[in-house]
Amino acid sequence: MFIENISPNEVVSLKEQISYEVGKVVHKTLVGRKEMTLTLFAFDEGTKIDTHSSNGDAMVVVLEGEVQLTVGGVAKKAKEGETLIMPANIPHAVEALTKYKMLLIVVKPLQ
């Protein structure tokens, strides 16, 4: 199977597939390929991932809570049910304004 860590042929809630840990950012890889990754994240309130960049386009799907996403120096807030694309090679950062869960989809160029 290409998709891991989730039961096949079963209806699930993605936000229930990962749990919060106090003071931490937790992640669970669903797909880890060179050209694409799918990762669930759970951020405790106030936790963050500092500014960095990726060689792939990243799509953030907010599953729960509220987040501040800073892309190319511009901060935007997003909440449950909303999505933001962070383009490849543009510096970005993530900060949980509340407890926050997301699905991160990164699509990278074929090499």
PDB file of N, CA and C in Angstrom:
ATOM      1  N   MET A   1       0.831  -1.197   0.000  1.00  0.00           N
ATOM      2  CA  MET A   1       0.000   0.000   0.000  1.00  0.00           C
ATOM      3  C   MET A   1       0.867   1.250   0.000  1.00  0.00           C
ATOM      4  N   PHE A   2       0.379   2.268  -0.635  1.00  0.00           N
ATOM      5  CA  PHE A   2       1.091   3.545  -0.675  1.00  0.00           C
ATOM      6  C   PHE A   2       0.737   4.428   0.518  1.00  0.00           C
ATOM      7  N   ILE A   3      -0.468   4.248   1.072  1.00  0.00           N
ATOM      8  CA  ILE A   3      -0.905   5.027   2.223  1.00  0.00           C
ATOM      9  C   ILE A   3      -0.771   4.151   3.468  1.00  0.00           C
ATOM     10  N   GLU A   4      -0.065   4.685   4.479  1.00  0.00           N
ATOM     11  CA  GLU A   4       0.230   3.930   5.693  1.00  0.00           C
ATOM     12  C   GLU A   4      -0.465   4.557   6.902  1.00  0.00           C
ATOM     13  N   ASN A   5      -0.429   3.827   8.008  1.00  0.00           N
ATOM     14  CA  ASN A   5      -0.851   4.319   9.317  1.00  0.00           C
ATOM     15  C   ASN A   5      -2.306   4.751   9.416  1.00  0.00           C
ATOM     16  N   ILE A   6      -3.128   4.196   8.547  1.00  0.00           N
ATOM     17  CA  ILE A   6      -4.564   4.458   8.574  1.00  0.00           C
ATOM     18  C   ILE A   6      -5.238   3.208   8.018  1.00  0.00           C
ATOM     19  N   SER A   7      -6.347   2.820   8.581  1.00  0.00           N
ATOM     20  CA  SER A   7      -7.007   1.578   8.171  1.00  0.00           C
ATOM     21  C   SER A   7      -7.630   1.703   6.787  1.00  0.00           C
ATOM     22  N   PRO A   8      -7.323   0.748   5.881  1.00  0.00           N
ATOM     23  CA  PRO A   8      -7.941   0.791   4.550  1.00  0.00           C
ATOM     24  C   PRO A   8      -9.398   0.344   4.611  1.00  0.00           C
ATOM     25  N   ASN A   9     -10.169   0.834   3.648  1.00  0.00           N
ATOM     26  CA  ASN A   9     -11.576   0.456   3.481  1.00  0.00           C
ATOM     27  C   ASN A   9     -12.395   0.681   4.750  1.00  0.00           C
ATOM     28  N   GLU A  10     -12.071   1.770   5.450  1.00  0.00           N
ATOM     29  CA  GLU A  10     -12.782   2.121   6.679  1.00  0.00           C
ATOM     30  C   GLU A  10     -12.984   3.637   6.699  1.00  0.00           C
ATOM     31  N   VAL A  11     -14.178   4.081   7.024  1.00  0.00           N
ATOM     32  CA  VAL A  11     -14.455   5.509   7.133  1.00  0.00           C
ATOM     33  C   VAL A  11     -13.890   6.000   8.463  1.00  0.00           C
ATOM     34  N   VAL A  12     -13.034   7.015   8.407  1.00  0.00           N
ATOM     35  CA  VAL A  12     -12.401   7.546   9.611  1.00  0.00           C
ATOM     36  C   VAL A  12     -12.464   9.073   9.610  1.00  0.00           C
ATOM     37  N   SER A  13     -12.285   9.647  10.774  1.00  0.00           N
ATOM     38  CA  SER A  13     -12.114  11.089  10.922  1.00  0.00           C
ATOM     39  C   SER A  13     -10.614  11.345  11.003  1.00  0.00           C
ATOM     40  N   LEU A  14     -10.080  12.125  10.072  1.00  0.00           N
ATOM     41  CA  LEU A  14      -8.630  12.367  10.078  1.00  0.00           C
ATOM     42  C   LEU A  14      -8.164  13.004  11.383  1.00  0.00           C
ATOM     43  N   LYS A  15      -8.944  13.942  11.921  1.00  0.00           N
ATOM     44  CA  LYS A  15      -8.492  14.613  13.140  1.00  0.00           C
ATOM     45  C   LYS A  15      -8.449  13.670  14.340  1.00  0.00           C
ATOM     46  N   GLU A  16      -9.128  12.542  14.263  1.00  0.00           N
ATOM     47  CA  GLU A  16      -9.077  11.560  15.349  1.00  0.00           C
ATOM     48  C   GLU A  16      -7.927  10.564  15.179  1.00  0.00           C
ATOM     49  N   GLN A  17      -7.160  10.698  14.100  1.00  0.00           N
ATOM     50  CA  GLN A  17      -6.055   9.778  13.824  1.00  0.00           C
ATOM     51  C   GLN A  17      -4.742  10.230  14.446  1.00  0.00           C
ATOM     52  N   ILE A  18      -4.760  11.379  15.126  1.00  0.00           N
ATOM     53  CA  ILE A  18      -3.557  11.895  15.779  1.00  0.00           C
ATOM     54  C   ILE A  18      -3.985  12.611  17.058  1.00  0.00           C
ATOM     55  N   SER A  19      -3.134  12.524  18.089  1.00  0.00           N
ATOM     56  CA  SER A  19      -3.458  13.109  19.389  1.00  0.00           C
ATOM     57  C   SER A  19      -2.479  14.220  19.748  1.00  0.00           C
ATOM     58  N   TYR A  20      -2.970  15.156  20.552  1.00  0.00           N
ATOM     59  CA  TYR A  20      -2.124  16.233  21.059  1.00  0.00           C
ATOM     60  C   TYR A  20      -1.198  15.705  22.154  1.00  0.00           C
ATOM     61  N   GLU A  21      -0.026  16.352  22.279  1.00  0.00           N
ATOM     62  CA  GLU A  21       0.871  16.138  23.401  1.00  0.00           C
ATOM     63  C   GLU A  21       1.240  17.509  23.942  1.00  0.00           C
ATOM     64  N   VAL A  22       1.198  17.653  25.252  1.00  0.00           N
ATOM     65  CA  VAL A  22       1.441  18.941  25.892  1.00  0.00           C
ATOM     66  C   VAL A  22       2.796  19.510  25.475  1.00  0.00           C
ATOM     67  N   GLY A  23       2.763  20.758  24.977  1.00  0.00           N
ATOM     68  CA  GLY A  23       3.981  21.478  24.616  1.00  0.00           C
ATOM     69  C   GLY A  23       4.706  20.978  23.385  1.00  0.00           C
ATOM     70  N   LYS A  24       4.046  20.126  22.587  1.00  0.00           N
ATOM     71  CA  LYS A  24       4.738  19.524  21.445  1.00  0.00           C
ATOM     72  C   LYS A  24       3.969  19.667  20.139  1.00  0.00           C
ATOM     73  N   VAL A  25       4.724  19.484  19.065  1.00  0.00           N
ATOM     74  CA  VAL A  25       4.166  19.291  17.731  1.00  0.00           C
ATOM     75  C   VAL A  25       4.362  17.813  17.412  1.00  0.00           C
ATOM     76  N   VAL A  26       3.257  17.123  17.135  1.00  0.00           N
ATOM     77  CA  VAL A  26       3.294  15.692  16.857  1.00  0.00           C
ATOM     78  C   VAL A  26       2.947  15.485  15.390  1.00  0.00           C
ATOM     79  N   HIS A  27       3.592  14.521  14.733  1.00  0.00           N
ATOM     80  CA  HIS A  27       3.249  14.242  13.338  1.00  0.00           C
ATOM     81  C   HIS A  27       3.129  12.735  13.098  1.00  0.00           C
ATOM     82  N   LYS A  28       2.361  12.410  12.071  1.00  0.00           N
ATOM     83  CA  LYS A  28       2.132  11.012  11.685  1.00  0.00           C
ATOM     84  C   LYS A  28       2.129  10.964  10.160  1.00  0.00           C
ATOM     85  N   THR A  29       3.087  10.247   9.584  1.00  0.00           N
ATOM     86  CA  THR A  29       3.213  10.167   8.135  1.00  0.00           C
ATOM     87  C   THR A  29       2.209   9.173   7.562  1.00  0.00           C
ATOM     88  N   LEU A  30       1.469   9.609   6.555  1.00  0.00           N
ATOM     89  CA  LEU A  30       0.541   8.737   5.840  1.00  0.00           C
ATOM     90  C   LEU A  30       1.139   8.303   4.499  1.00  0.00           C
ATOM     91  N   VAL A  31       1.847   9.214   3.839  1.00  0.00           N
ATOM     92  CA  VAL A  31       2.557   8.910   2.590  1.00  0.00           C
ATOM     93  C   VAL A  31       3.913   9.599   2.678  1.00  0.00           C
ATOM     94  N   GLY A  32       4.971   8.857   2.431  1.00  0.00           N
ATOM     95  CA  GLY A  32       6.315   9.415   2.463  1.00  0.00           C
ATOM     96  C   GLY A  32       7.100   9.016   1.226  1.00  0.00           C
ATOM     97  N   ARG A  33       6.785   9.638   0.120  1.00  0.00           N
ATOM     98  CA  ARG A  33       7.460   9.343  -1.144  1.00  0.00           C
ATOM     99  C   ARG A  33       8.304  10.552  -1.553  1.00  0.00           C
ATOM    100  N   LYS A  34       9.270  10.334  -2.451  1.00  0.00           N
ATOM    101  CA  LYS A  34      10.124  11.436  -2.896  1.00  0.00           C
ATOM    102  C   LYS A  34       9.312  12.566  -3.512  1.00  0.00           C
ATOM    103  N   GLU A  35       8.276  12.212  -4.270  1.00  0.00           N
ATOM    104  CA  GLU A  35       7.518  13.230  -5.004  1.00  0.00           C
ATOM    105  C   GLU A  35       6.298  13.754  -4.251  1.00  0.00           C
ATOM    106  N   MET A  36       5.924  13.092  -3.142  1.00  0.00           N
ATOM    107  CA  MET A  36       4.739  13.538  -2.406  1.00  0.00           C
ATOM    108  C   MET A  36       4.749  13.010  -0.976  1.00  0.00           C
ATOM    109  N   THR A  37       4.323  13.868  -0.044  1.00  0.00           N
ATOM    110  CA  THR A  37       4.120  13.434   1.337  1.00  0.00           C
ATOM    111  C   THR A  37       2.738  13.872   1.804  1.00  0.00           C
ATOM    112  N   LEU A  38       2.140  13.039   2.644  1.00  0.00           N
ATOM    113  CA  LEU A  38       0.890  13.358   3.338  1.00  0.00           C
ATOM    114  C   LEU A  38       1.182  13.132   4.809  1.00  0.00           C
ATOM    115  N   THR A  39       1.008  14.163   5.619  1.00  0.00           N
ATOM    116  CA  THR A  39       1.346  14.058   7.030  1.00  0.00           C
ATOM    117  C   THR A  39       0.280  14.720   7.883  1.00  0.00           C
ATOM    118  N   LEU A  40      -0.157  14.028   8.926  1.00  0.00           N
ATOM    119  CA  LEU A  40      -1.044  14.616   9.918  1.00  0.00           C
ATOM    120  C   LEU A  40      -0.188  15.274  10.984  1.00  0.00           C
ATOM    121  N   PHE A  41      -0.609  16.445  11.452  1.00  0.00           N
ATOM    122  CA  PHE A  41       0.085  17.152  12.526  1.00  0.00           C
ATOM    123  C   PHE A  41      -0.910  17.527  13.611  1.00  0.00           C
ATOM    124  N   ALA A  42      -0.455  17.494  14.859  1.00  0.00           N
ATOM    125  CA  ALA A  42      -1.207  18.014  16.004  1.00  0.00           C
ATOM    126  C   ALA A  42      -0.271  18.949  16.769  1.00  0.00           C
ATOM    127  N   PHE A  43      -0.660  20.216  16.890  1.00  0.00           N
ATOM    128  CA  PHE A  43       0.132  21.235  17.579  1.00  0.00           C
ATOM    129  C   PHE A  43      -0.571  21.593  18.881  1.00  0.00           C
ATOM    130  N   ASP A  44       0.152  21.566  19.989  1.00  0.00           N
ATOM    131  CA  ASP A  44      -0.409  22.106  21.214  1.00  0.00           C
ATOM    132  C   ASP A  44      -0.467  23.628  21.057  1.00  0.00           C
ATOM    133  N   GLU A  45      -1.375  24.266  21.757  1.00  0.00           N
ATOM    134  CA  GLU A  45      -1.520  25.722  21.668  1.00  0.00           C
ATOM    135  C   GLU A  45      -0.181  26.403  21.923  1.00  0.00           C
ATOM    136  N   GLY A  46       0.178  27.350  21.049  1.00  0.00           N
ATOM    137  CA  GLY A  46       1.414  28.108  21.198  1.00  0.00           C
ATOM    138  C   GLY A  46       2.644  27.459  20.611  1.00  0.00           C
ATOM    139  N   THR A  47       2.553  26.204  20.187  1.00  0.00           N
ATOM    140  CA  THR A  47       3.718  25.569  19.568  1.00  0.00           C
ATOM    141  C   THR A  47       3.832  26.022  18.121  1.00  0.00           C
ATOM    142  N   LYS A  48       5.012  25.842  17.557  1.00  0.00           N
ATOM    143  CA  LYS A  48       5.214  26.341  16.199  1.00  0.00           C
ATOM    144  C   LYS A  48       6.316  25.584  15.484  1.00  0.00           C
ATOM    145  N   ILE A  49       6.347  25.796  14.183  1.00  0.00           N
ATOM    146  CA  ILE A  49       7.468  25.367  13.345  1.00  0.00           C
ATOM    147  C   ILE A  49       8.052  26.650  12.778  1.00  0.00           C
ATOM    148  N   ASP A  50       9.329  26.889  13.068  1.00  0.00           N
ATOM    149  CA  ASP A  50       9.980  28.123  12.645  1.00  0.00           C
ATOM    150  C   ASP A  50      10.092  28.215  11.119  1.00  0.00           C
ATOM    151  N   THR A  51      10.434  29.393  10.652  1.00  0.00           N
ATOM    152  CA  THR A  51      10.536  29.671   9.229  1.00  0.00           C
ATOM    153  C   THR A  51      11.511  28.710   8.545  1.00  0.00           C
ATOM    154  N   HIS A  52      11.031  28.145   7.436  1.00  0.00           N
ATOM    155  CA  HIS A  52      11.815  27.213   6.620  1.00  0.00           C
ATOM    156  C   HIS A  52      11.211  27.225   5.217  1.00  0.00           C
ATOM    157  N   SER A  53      11.788  26.487   4.301  1.00  0.00           N
ATOM    158  CA  SER A  53      11.206  26.374   2.957  1.00  0.00           C
ATOM    159  C   SER A  53      11.317  24.930   2.492  1.00  0.00           C
ATOM    160  N   SER A  54      10.586  24.634   1.439  1.00  0.00           N
ATOM    161  CA  SER A  54      10.544  23.287   0.871  1.00  0.00           C
ATOM    162  C   SER A  54      10.631  23.411  -0.639  1.00  0.00           C
ATOM    163  N   ASN A  55      11.128  22.366  -1.289  1.00  0.00           N
ATOM    164  CA  ASN A  55      11.193  22.399  -2.751  1.00  0.00           C
ATOM    165  C   ASN A  55       9.877  21.943  -3.388  1.00  0.00           C
ATOM    166  N   GLY A  56       8.843  21.741  -2.555  1.00  0.00           N
ATOM    167  CA  GLY A  56       7.541  21.350  -3.077  1.00  0.00           C
ATOM    168  C   GLY A  56       6.450  22.306  -2.633  1.00  0.00           C
ATOM    169  N   ASP A  57       5.363  22.331  -3.385  1.00  0.00           N
ATOM    170  CA  ASP A  57       4.184  23.094  -2.969  1.00  0.00           C
ATOM    171  C   ASP A  57       3.540  22.367  -1.798  1.00  0.00           C
ATOM    172  N   ALA A  58       3.174  23.112  -0.764  1.00  0.00           N
ATOM    173  CA  ALA A  58       2.576  22.525   0.439  1.00  0.00           C
ATOM    174  C   ALA A  58       1.150  23.033   0.592  1.00  0.00           C
ATOM    175  N   MET A  59       0.226  22.099   0.771  1.00  0.00           N
ATOM    176  CA  MET A  59      -1.179  22.456   0.991  1.00  0.00           C
ATOM    177  C   MET A  59      -1.540  22.097   2.429  1.00  0.00           C
ATOM    178  N   VAL A  60      -1.946  23.099   3.197  1.00  0.00           N
ATOM    179  CA  VAL A  60      -2.362  22.923   4.583  1.00  0.00           C
ATOM    180  C   VAL A  60      -3.885  22.824   4.605  1.00  0.00           C
ATOM    181  N   VAL A  61      -4.401  21.722   5.162  1.00  0.00           N
ATOM    182  CA  VAL A  61      -5.835  21.536   5.353  1.00  0.00           C
ATOM    183  C   VAL A  61      -6.074  21.551   6.859  1.00  0.00           C
ATOM    184  N   VAL A  62      -6.746  22.586   7.347  1.00  0.00           N
ATOM    185  CA  VAL A  62      -6.977  22.714   8.785  1.00  0.00           C
ATOM    186  C   VAL A  62      -8.108  21.776   9.196  1.00  0.00           C
ATOM    187  N   LEU A  63      -7.793  20.849  10.095  1.00  0.00           N
ATOM    188  CA  LEU A  63      -8.764  19.859  10.560  1.00  0.00           C
ATOM    189  C   LEU A  63      -9.436  20.281  11.861  1.00  0.00           C
ATOM    190  N   GLU A  64      -8.726  21.102  12.654  1.00  0.00           N
ATOM    191  CA  GLU A  64      -9.258  21.513  13.960  1.00  0.00           C
ATOM    192  C   GLU A  64      -8.457  22.697  14.461  1.00  0.00           C
ATOM    193  N   GLY A  65      -9.100  23.635  15.119  1.00  0.00           N
ATOM    194  CA  GLY A  65      -8.409  24.752  15.749  1.00  0.00           C
ATOM    195  C   GLY A  65      -8.132  25.906  14.813  1.00  0.00           C
ATOM    196  N   GLU A  66      -7.206  26.761  15.247  1.00  0.00           N
ATOM    197  CA  GLU A  66      -6.852  27.960  14.487  1.00  0.00           C
ATOM    198  C   GLU A  66      -5.340  28.113  14.460  1.00  0.00           C
ATOM    199  N   VAL A  67      -4.828  28.542  13.310  1.00  0.00           N
ATOM    200  CA  VAL A  67      -3.385  28.630  13.084  1.00  0.00           C
ATOM    201  C   VAL A  67      -3.045  29.958  12.414  1.00  0.00           C
ATOM    202  N   GLN A  68      -1.813  30.404  12.651  1.00  0.00           N
ATOM    203  CA  GLN A  68      -1.267  31.515  11.877  1.00  0.00           C
ATOM    204  C   GLN A  68      -0.188  30.942  10.978  1.00  0.00           C
ATOM    205  N   LEU A  69      -0.381  31.120   9.676  1.00  0.00           N
ATOM    206  CA  LEU A  69       0.573  30.668   8.666  1.00  0.00           C
ATOM    207  C   LEU A  69       1.240  31.901   8.082  1.00  0.00           C
ATOM    208  N   THR A  70       2.546  31.932   8.130  1.00  0.00           N
ATOM    209  CA  THR A  70       3.285  33.064   7.575  1.00  0.00           C
ATOM    210  C   THR A  70       4.021  32.567   6.339  1.00  0.00           C
ATOM    211  N   VAL A  71       3.684  33.138   5.191  1.00  0.00           N
ATOM    212  CA  VAL A  71       4.248  32.715   3.911  1.00  0.00           C
ATOM    213  C   VAL A  71       4.878  33.937   3.246  1.00  0.00           C
ATOM    214  N   GLY A  72       6.171  33.866   2.993  1.00  0.00           N
ATOM    215  CA  GLY A  72       6.852  35.001   2.375  1.00  0.00           C
ATOM    216  C   GLY A  72       6.721  36.270   3.195  1.00  0.00           C
ATOM    217  N   GLY A  73       6.688  36.138   4.528  1.00  0.00           N
ATOM    218  CA  GLY A  73       6.608  37.283   5.425  1.00  0.00           C
ATOM    219  C   GLY A  73       5.197  37.813   5.664  1.00  0.00           C
ATOM    220  N   VAL A  74       4.191  37.233   5.025  1.00  0.00           N
ATOM    221  CA  VAL A  74       2.807  37.676   5.189  1.00  0.00           C
ATOM    222  C   VAL A  74       2.055  36.665   6.051  1.00  0.00           C
ATOM    223  N   ALA A  75       1.511  37.140   7.178  1.00  0.00           N
ATOM    224  CA  ALA A  75       0.804  36.263   8.110  1.00  0.00           C
ATOM    225  C   ALA A  75      -0.682  36.195   7.764  1.00  0.00           C
ATOM    226  N   LYS A  76      -1.221  34.975   7.808  1.00  0.00           N
ATOM    227  CA  LYS A  76      -2.643  34.751   7.567  1.00  0.00           C
ATOM    228  C   LYS A  76      -3.145  33.762   8.595  1.00  0.00           C
ATOM    229  N   LYS A  77      -4.392  33.977   9.058  1.00  0.00           N
ATOM    230  CA  LYS A  77      -5.010  33.045   9.990  1.00  0.00           C
ATOM    231  C   LYS A  77      -5.909  32.099   9.211  1.00  0.00           C
ATOM    232  N   ALA A  78      -5.980  30.847   9.683  1.00  0.00           N
ATOM    233  CA  ALA A  78      -6.867  29.851   9.074  1.00  0.00           C
ATOM    234  C   ALA A  78      -7.479  29.031  10.201  1.00  0.00           C
ATOM    235  N   LYS A  79      -8.709  28.544   9.948  1.00  0.00           N
ATOM    236  CA  LYS A  79      -9.400  27.741  10.955  1.00  0.00           C
ATOM    237  C   LYS A  79      -9.972  26.492  10.309  1.00  0.00           C
ATOM    238  N   GLU A  80     -10.566  25.647  11.149  1.00  0.00           N
ATOM    239  CA  GLU A  80     -11.112  24.371  10.700  1.00  0.00           C
ATOM    240  C   GLU A  80     -11.914  24.516   9.411  1.00  0.00           C
ATOM    241  N   GLY A  81     -11.616  23.634   8.453  1.00  0.00           N
ATOM    242  CA  GLY A  81     -12.308  23.631   7.175  1.00  0.00           C
ATOM    243  C   GLY A  81     -11.657  24.497   6.115  1.00  0.00           C
ATOM    244  N   GLU A  82     -10.634  25.268   6.484  1.00  0.00           N
ATOM    245  CA  GLU A  82      -9.969  26.149   5.521  1.00  0.00           C
ATOM    246  C   GLU A  82      -8.636  25.539   5.070  1.00  0.00           C
ATOM    247  N   THR A  83      -8.176  26.017   3.922  1.00  0.00           N
ATOM    248  CA  THR A  83      -6.962  25.486   3.285  1.00  0.00           C
ATOM    249  C   THR A  83      -6.111  26.643   2.781  1.00  0.00           C
ATOM    250  N   LEU A  84      -4.799  26.461   2.804  1.00  0.00           N
ATOM    251  CA  LEU A  84      -3.868  27.442   2.265  1.00  0.00           C
ATOM    252  C   LEU A  84      -2.756  26.704   1.531  1.00  0.00           C
ATOM    253  N   ILE A  85      -2.350  27.241   0.390  1.00  0.00           N
ATOM    254  CA  ILE A  85      -1.220  26.701  -0.360  1.00  0.00           C
ATOM    255  C   ILE A  85       0.015  27.546  -0.048  1.00  0.00           C
ATOM    256  N   MET A  86       1.097  26.862   0.311  1.00  0.00           N
ATOM    257  CA  MET A  86       2.387  27.519   0.530  1.00  0.00           C
ATOM    258  C   MET A  86       3.284  27.110  -0.634  1.00  0.00           C
ATOM    259  N   PRO A  87       3.558  28.041  -1.560  1.00  0.00           N
ATOM    260  CA  PRO A  87       4.326  27.684  -2.760  1.00  0.00           C
ATOM    261  C   PRO A  87       5.752  27.221  -2.455  1.00  0.00           C
ATOM    262  N   ALA A  88       6.260  26.375  -3.326  1.00  0.00           N
ATOM    263  CA  ALA A  88       7.629  25.864  -3.209  1.00  0.00           C
ATOM    264  C   ALA A  88       8.627  27.002  -3.120  1.00  0.00           C
ATOM    265  N   ASN A  89       9.670  26.780  -2.332  1.00  0.00           N
ATOM    266  CA  ASN A  89      10.821  27.670  -2.213  1.00  0.00           C
ATOM    267  C   ASN A  89      10.511  29.034  -1.607  1.00  0.00           C
ATOM    268  N   ILE A  90       9.329  29.220  -1.035  1.00  0.00           N
ATOM    269  CA  ILE A  90       8.975  30.464  -0.344  1.00  0.00           C
ATOM    270  C   ILE A  90       9.042  30.170   1.158  1.00  0.00           C
ATOM    271  N   PRO A  91       9.818  30.955   1.926  1.00  0.00           N
ATOM    272  CA  PRO A  91       9.903  30.701   3.367  1.00  0.00           C
ATOM    273  C   PRO A  91       8.524  30.789   4.024  1.00  0.00           C
ATOM    274  N   HIS A  92       8.271  29.856   4.947  1.00  0.00           N
ATOM    275  CA  HIS A  92       6.989  29.837   5.651  1.00  0.00           C
ATOM    276  C   HIS A  92       7.172  29.329   7.076  1.00  0.00           C
ATOM    277  N   ALA A  93       6.202  29.662   7.939  1.00  0.00           N
ATOM    278  CA  ALA A  93       6.218  29.241   9.338  1.00  0.00           C
ATOM    279  C   ALA A  93       4.787  28.942   9.761  1.00  0.00           C
ATOM    280  N   VAL A  94       4.659  28.139  10.825  1.00  0.00           N
ATOM    281  CA  VAL A  94       3.354  27.712  11.324  1.00  0.00           C
ATOM    282  C   VAL A  94       3.331  27.937  12.835  1.00  0.00           C
ATOM    283  N   GLU A  95       2.272  28.610  13.338  1.00  0.00           N
ATOM    284  CA  GLU A  95       2.119  28.813  14.784  1.00  0.00           C
ATOM    285  C   GLU A  95       0.686  28.531  15.187  1.00  0.00           C
ATOM    286  N   ALA A  96       0.506  27.634  16.155  1.00  0.00           N
ATOM    287  CA  ALA A  96      -0.825  27.263  16.634  1.00  0.00           C
ATOM    288  C   ALA A  96      -1.367  28.350  17.561  1.00  0.00           C
ATOM    289  N   LEU A  97      -2.486  28.963  17.169  1.00  0.00           N
ATOM    290  CA  LEU A  97      -3.135  29.970  18.009  1.00  0.00           C
ATOM    291  C   LEU A  97      -4.000  29.296  19.070  1.00  0.00           C
ATOM    292  N   THR A  98      -4.492  28.102  18.752  1.00  0.00           N
ATOM    293  CA  THR A  98      -5.207  27.222  19.674  1.00  0.00           C
ATOM    294  C   THR A  98      -4.612  25.837  19.444  1.00  0.00           C
ATOM    295  N   LYS A  99      -5.095  24.845  20.165  1.00  0.00           N
ATOM    296  CA  LYS A  99      -4.720  23.487  19.776  1.00  0.00           C
ATOM    297  C   LYS A  99      -5.159  23.337  18.330  1.00  0.00           C
ATOM    298  N   TYR A 100      -4.325  22.713  17.528  1.00  0.00           N
ATOM    299  CA  TYR A 100      -4.519  22.781  16.079  1.00  0.00           C
ATOM    300  C   TYR A 100      -4.078  21.483  15.424  1.00  0.00           C
ATOM    301  N   LYS A 101      -4.908  20.983  14.510  1.00  0.00           N
ATOM    302  CA  LYS A 101      -4.550  19.798  13.726  1.00  0.00           C
ATOM    303  C   LYS A 101      -4.660  20.122  12.244  1.00  0.00           C
ATOM    304  N   MET A 102      -3.738  19.539  11.476  1.00  0.00           N
ATOM    305  CA  MET A 102      -3.769  19.768  10.027  1.00  0.00           C
ATOM    306  C   MET A 102      -3.332  18.523   9.291  1.00  0.00           C
ATOM    307  N   LEU A 103      -3.765  18.453   8.046  1.00  0.00           N
ATOM    308  CA  LEU A 103      -3.227  17.518   7.073  1.00  0.00           C
ATOM    309  C   LEU A 103      -2.345  18.348   6.168  1.00  0.00           C
ATOM    310  N   LEU A 104      -1.090  17.951   6.036  1.00  0.00           N
ATOM    311  CA  LEU A 104      -0.146  18.652   5.164  1.00  0.00           C
ATOM    312  C   LEU A 104       0.145  17.763   3.973  1.00  0.00           C
ATOM    313  N   ILE A 105      -0.106  18.298   2.789  1.00  0.00           N
ATOM    314  CA  ILE A 105       0.161  17.599   1.535  1.00  0.00           C
ATOM    315  C   ILE A 105       1.270  18.369   0.824  1.00  0.00           C
ATOM    316  N   VAL A 106       2.388  17.720   0.572  1.00  0.00           N
ATOM    317  CA  VAL A 106       3.496  18.368  -0.134  1.00  0.00           C
ATOM    318  C   VAL A 106       3.730  17.604  -1.441  1.00  0.00           C
ATOM    319  N   VAL A 107       3.684  18.357  -2.548  1.00  0.00           N
ATOM    320  CA  VAL A 107       3.929  17.783  -3.874  1.00  0.00           C
ATOM    321  C   VAL A 107       5.226  18.378  -4.394  1.00  0.00           C
ATOM    322  N   LYS A 108       6.184  17.491  -4.696  1.00  0.00           N
ATOM    323  CA  LYS A 108       7.529  17.917  -5.105  1.00  0.00           C
ATOM    324  C   LYS A 108       7.761  17.604  -6.574  1.00  0.00           C
ATOM    325  N   PRO A 109       8.702  18.321  -7.190  1.00  0.00           N
ATOM    326  CA  PRO A 109       8.999  18.029  -8.601  1.00  0.00           C
ATOM    327  C   PRO A 109       9.620  16.643  -8.760  1.00  0.00           C
ATOM    328  N   LEU A 110       9.310  15.994  -9.864  1.00  0.00           N
ATOM    329  CA  LEU A 110       9.949  14.720 -10.186  1.00  0.00           C
ATOM    330  C   LEU A 110      11.393  14.992 -10.548  1.00  0.00           C
ATOM    331  N   GLN A 111      12.273  14.157 -10.092  1.00  0.00           N
ATOM    332  CA  GLN A 111      13.700  14.420 -10.354  1.00  0.00           C
ATOM    333  C   GLN A 111      14.263  13.488 -11.364  1.00  0.00           C
TER     334      GLN A 111
END
